[in-house]
């Protein structure tokens, strides 16, 4: 146990009191009968043995009370000191636990970055990111403009450009918008072009997945999805492309009547004129049944 200055001082005081009382006790003891009697001053009275005993008992009682008082003070100081040390140890333990948790979080963030770099930007966003995007229009516009530039920047890696589009799309959903000036055909089409020309299957899958449900309606997107459907060798990417074509058609029904007709004609043309049975089978799966084909023919004006 740590000994502080207060404890040492009280201990010394206790010892001093004991020694003092001890000396007083023996100084007042009667002389031995074997020693020669000294001439006493007339002003000094001689105490009897009973008076000696009474005086000694009073001294002992006083000594006991003072020692007990000092012991209580030492105990109180010790308890107070222990409480302080315990609080200090608790605070240090809390800090240690927080440091360990922070390090663990950093390790997990780094692990996620390595496993899926596309979404690594999540770990770097400020804690109040969502709230700032919603409450600060200038901040949201600045971030969205920067992300758009990154998406279109050929000096940045394909994966980082895709990550910029992912964050831009996320911002649009945070703001509860279906359209946004910074999120248009140019950025979405640019990513699809990168996917069409990429030999990296992982990047291609992530790029097509991200753009399949884009709210941007543009016939050029339908053409890019069609290229992937007809030419890509990965069955999963072809299914994603067919899904992207159908999404263009479904979204157009509520927004652009002219585009609905154009998409219906395009889908029927790909379905009816392809020589690849896999392409037709994939479109049939996305359409679901014959009723959907009939609806397409109706909307196409056939």
Foldseek 3Di string as FASTA:
>chain_A
DDDDPVLVVLVVVLVVLVVVLVVVLVVLDDDDPVDDDDDDDPVDDDDDPVVNVVVNVVSVVVNVVVNVVSVVVSVVVVVVVVVVVVVVVVVVVVVVVVVVVVVVVVVVLVVVCVVQVLQSVVVVADPCNLVCLQPPVVVVVVLLVVLLCLLPDPVDDLSSNNSSLVVNVVSCVSNVHLDDPSDECVSLVSNLVCLVPDPDPVSNVSSLVSSLQRSYADVVLLVSLVCQLPPPPDLVSNLSSLSSLVNNLVSCVVPPLVSNLVSLVVLCCCLVPDPDVSSVVSNCVNQPDVVSNVVSCVSVVD
